[in-house]
């Protein structure tokens, strides 16, 4: 297993809908292992394949002791919107976070690395992670779901010179772990570290 480089906002692959996985085998299994290690290394709640430069419909997740992956996910959502205290962030848009209206419940169906059918569901942070990661596979970032002043503020921050320094510093910090087969200990899911990195 290895820690992979995470693509930052501005990389075209983050805006390109991912392709359906049609081949299940050792390469897919290795991708999921590497994505899982990368997600843990950066203390994220989830990670989509386009975030590591692979345009395939795959994401991993790790929230509240629940960890796994879904290939070719199909998302269903329901219930009320989550509270405005739930700030969402993204590993591909470091240093920023904002409220995003996400459904309280979500379910994804798809396959595992062997091509077997799976279904997982959750509420709260786990539901948010499923929605966030599925968006990534459609070429959508969480900032696209912002409106009004939240959207203006996020876009203004991203356009600023200071934000270029944030992304450069983040990339430099993460590069120290690239290729490593050992991940740093993650903060407990659901803690302050996870809350700001929903998809992370």
Protein backbone atom coordinates (compact mmCIF):
# COMPACT_ATOMS: atom_id res chain seq x y z
CA UNK A 1 0.00 0.00 0.00
CA UNK A 2 1.06 3.59 -0.54
CA UNK A 3 -0.04 7.13 0.22
CA UNK A 4 -1.13 8.90 -2.97
CA UNK A 5 -0.99 12.54 -3.98
CA UNK A 6 -4.32 14.36 -3.64
CA UNK A 7 -5.34 16.62 -6.52
CA UNK A 8 -6.24 20.21 -5.66
CA UNK A 9 -8.96 22.49 -6.97
CA UNK A 10 -8.04 23.64 -10.47
CA UNK A 11 -7.07 20.14 -11.60
CA UNK A 12 -9.39 19.20 -14.52
CA UNK A 13 -9.94 15.65 -13.26
CA UNK A 14 -11.91 17.02 -10.32
CA UNK A 15 -14.40 18.47 -12.83
CA UNK A 16 -14.64 15.39 -15.04
CA UNK A 17 -17.37 12.78 -14.40
CA UNK A 18 -15.74 9.46 -13.49
CA UNK A 19 -16.11 6.37 -15.65
CA UNK A 20 -17.91 3.22 -14.55
CA UNK A 21 -15.62 0.45 -13.32
CA UNK A 22 -15.91 -2.59 -15.60
CA UNK A 23 -12.83 -4.58 -14.57
CA UNK A 24 -12.52 -6.05 -11.10
CA UNK A 25 -9.16 -7.47 -10.16
CA UNK A 26 -5.81 -6.82 -8.48
CA UNK A 27 -5.42 -3.28 -9.89
CA UNK A 28 -8.76 -2.16 -8.46
CA UNK A 29 -7.98 -3.83 -5.12
CA UNK A 30 -4.63 -2.03 -4.97
CA UNK A 31 -6.30 1.30 -5.80
CA UNK A 32 -8.81 0.87 -2.97
CA UNK A 33 -6.02 -0.10 -0.53
CA UNK A 34 -3.96 2.94 -1.50
CA UNK A 35 -6.97 5.24 -1.31
CA UNK A 36 -7.85 3.92 2.13
CA UNK A 37 -4.31 4.46 3.38
CA UNK A 38 -4.24 7.95 1.88
CA UNK A 39 -7.61 8.85 3.45
CA UNK A 40 -6.39 7.72 6.87
CA UNK A 41 -3.04 9.48 6.44
CA UNK A 42 -4.71 12.85 5.83
CA UNK A 43 -7.42 12.16 8.43
CA UNK A 44 -10.27 12.40 5.95
CA UNK A 45 -13.76 10.97 6.28
CA UNK A 46 -13.79 9.92 2.65
CA UNK A 47 -11.84 9.98 -0.59
CA UNK A 48 -12.95 9.64 -4.21
CA UNK A 49 -10.75 8.19 -6.96
CA UNK A 50 -10.64 11.45 -9.00
CA UNK A 51 -9.05 13.11 -5.97
CA UNK A 52 -6.01 10.88 -6.49
CA UNK A 53 -6.04 11.34 -10.27
CA UNK A 54 -8.01 8.23 -11.22
CA UNK A 55 -11.20 8.86 -13.21
CA UNK A 56 -13.13 5.85 -11.95
CA UNK A 57 -16.33 5.55 -9.91
CA UNK A 58 -14.77 4.47 -6.61
CA UNK A 59 -14.76 6.03 -3.17
CA UNK A 60 -13.62 5.06 0.31
CA UNK A 61 -15.04 6.23 3.64
CA UNK A 62 -14.20 6.11 7.33
CA UNK A 63 -16.62 7.68 9.82
CA UNK A 64 -17.36 6.79 13.43
CA UNK A 65 -15.65 3.40 13.26
CA UNK A 66 -17.40 2.49 9.99
CA UNK A 67 -14.96 2.01 7.13
CA UNK A 68 -15.32 0.70 3.61
CA UNK A 69 -15.46 1.42 -0.09
CA UNK A 70 -18.04 1.47 -2.86
CA UNK A 71 -17.48 0.90 -6.58
CA UNK A 72 -20.00 2.33 -9.07
CA UNK A 73 -22.14 3.85 -6.30
CA UNK A 74 -25.78 4.78 -6.78
CA UNK A 75 -26.94 7.28 -4.18
CA UNK A 76 -30.33 7.58 -2.48
CA UNK A 77 -31.05 10.32 0.07
CA UNK A 78 -33.89 11.12 2.43
CA UNK A 79 -34.92 12.84 5.61
CA UNK A 80 -34.54 16.43 6.71
CA UNK A 81 -31.54 18.59 5.96
CA UNK A 82 -28.67 18.37 8.43
CA UNK A 83 -28.11 21.25 10.85
CA UNK A 84 -26.20 24.37 9.92
CA UNK A 85 -23.57 23.60 12.56
CA UNK A 86 -22.26 20.77 10.38
CA UNK A 87 -19.40 22.39 8.46
CA UNK A 88 -18.22 20.59 5.36
CA UNK A 89 -14.75 20.76 3.86
CA UNK A 90 -12.75 18.93 1.24
CA UNK A 91 -9.24 17.52 0.96
CA UNK A 92 -9.08 18.96 -2.56
CA UNK A 93 -10.09 22.42 -1.33
CA UNK A 94 -7.91 22.71 1.79
CA UNK A 95 -8.31 25.36 4.45
CA UNK A 96 -11.95 26.18 3.67
CA UNK A 97 -15.22 24.93 5.10
CA UNK A 98 -18.87 25.92 4.98
CA UNK A 99 -22.35 24.63 5.68
CA UNK A 100 -23.76 22.55 2.83
CA UNK A 101 -27.36 21.40 2.91
CA UNK A 102 -27.11 17.61 2.95
CA UNK A 103 -29.83 15.06 3.67
CA UNK A 104 -29.77 13.43 7.09
CA UNK A 105 -29.95 9.90 5.62
CA UNK A 106 -28.17 8.38 2.63
CA UNK A 107 -27.78 4.95 1.10
CA UNK A 108 -25.35 3.83 -1.59
CA UNK A 109 -25.58 0.64 -3.58
CA UNK A 110 -22.82 -0.64 -5.82
CA UNK A 111 -20.07 -3.26 -5.84
CA UNK A 112 -17.05 -4.14 -3.75
CA UNK A 113 -13.57 -4.75 -5.18
CA UNK A 114 -14.57 -8.28 -6.19
CA UNK A 115 -17.66 -7.10 -8.08
CA UNK A 116 -20.12 -8.35 -5.45
CA UNK A 117 -23.23 -6.25 -4.85
CA UNK A 118 -23.17 -4.18 -1.66
CA UNK A 119 -25.40 -1.61 0.01
CA UNK A 120 -24.48 0.70 2.89
CA UNK A 121 -26.49 3.41 4.58
CA UNK A 122 -26.01 5.93 7.32
CA UNK A 123 -27.12 9.15 8.92
CA UNK A 124 -25.36 12.33 9.96
CA UNK A 125 -21.66 12.49 9.15
CA UNK A 126 -21.68 9.15 7.31
CA UNK A 127 -24.60 10.26 5.13
CA UNK A 128 -22.76 13.52 4.44
CA UNK A 129 -19.64 11.60 3.40
CA UNK A 130 -21.64 9.41 0.99
CA UNK A 131 -23.19 12.50 -0.63
CA UNK A 132 -19.89 14.39 -0.78
CA UNK A 133 -17.95 11.52 -2.35
CA UNK A 134 -20.69 10.73 -4.87
CA UNK A 135 -20.57 14.39 -5.92
CA UNK A 136 -16.84 13.99 -6.61
CA UNK A 137 -17.59 11.14 -9.00
CA UNK A 138 -19.92 13.47 -10.92
CA UNK A 139 -17.27 16.18 -11.21
CA UNK A 140 -18.91 18.31 -8.52
CA UNK A 141 -17.15 19.97 -5.57
CA UNK A 142 -18.92 20.96 -2.38
CA UNK A 143 -18.34 24.64 -3.16
CA UNK A 144 -20.66 24.22 -6.17
CA UNK A 145 -23.50 23.63 -3.72
CA UNK A 146 -22.92 26.87 -1.84
CA UNK A 147 -25.18 29.84 -2.39
CA UNK A 148 -25.30 33.54 -1.59
CA UNK A 149 -22.60 34.99 0.63
CA UNK A 150 -21.14 31.56 1.42
CA UNK A 151 -20.44 30.98 -2.27
CA UNK A 152 -19.07 34.49 -2.81
CA UNK A 153 -16.77 34.18 0.20
CA UNK A 154 -15.47 30.75 -0.87
CA UNK A 155 -14.77 31.84 -4.43
CA UNK A 156 -13.12 35.05 -3.24
CA UNK A 157 -10.87 33.04 -0.91
CA UNK A 158 -9.91 30.61 -3.68
CA UNK A 159 -9.01 33.45 -6.05
CA UNK A 160 -6.76 35.15 -3.49
CA UNK A 161 -2.97 34.87 -3.46
CA UNK A 162 -3.18 33.69 0.15
CA UNK A 163 -5.12 30.62 -1.00
CA UNK A 164 -2.33 29.66 -3.40
CA UNK A 165 -0.03 29.62 -0.39
CA UNK A 166 -2.50 27.42 1.49
CA UNK A 167 -2.64 24.85 -1.31
CA UNK A 168 1.15 24.92 -1.78
CA UNK A 169 1.77 24.43 1.94
CA UNK A 170 -0.81 21.63 2.10
CA UNK A 171 0.74 19.87 -0.89
CA UNK A 172 4.20 20.18 0.66
CA UNK A 173 3.03 18.75 3.98
CA UNK A 174 1.27 15.85 2.31
CA UNK A 175 4.26 15.09 0.07
CA UNK A 176 6.20 13.95 3.12
CA UNK A 177 3.99 10.85 3.31
CA UNK A 178 3.79 10.04 -0.40
CA UNK A 179 4.71 6.47 -1.19
CA UNK A 180 4.89 5.59 2.50
CA UNK A 181 3.43 2.30 3.62
CA UNK A 182 2.80 3.72 7.08
CA UNK A 183 -0.01 6.13 7.89
CA UNK A 184 -0.03 8.69 10.67
CA UNK A 185 -2.58 8.02 13.41
CA UNK A 186 -5.92 9.58 12.55
CA UNK A 187 -8.02 11.63 14.92
CA UNK A 188 -11.20 9.83 15.98
CA UNK A 189 -13.89 10.11 13.32
CA UNK A 190 -16.54 12.58 14.29
CA UNK A 191 -14.03 14.67 16.25
CA UNK A 192 -13.03 18.21 15.45
CA UNK A 193 -10.55 17.07 12.82
CA UNK A 194 -13.08 14.96 10.95
CA UNK A 195 -15.88 17.51 11.08
CA UNK A 196 -13.94 19.96 8.98
CA UNK A 197 -12.97 17.36 6.39
CA UNK A 198 -16.14 15.64 5.39
CA UNK A 199 -14.91 14.47 2.00
CA UNK A 200 -12.24 15.15 2.26
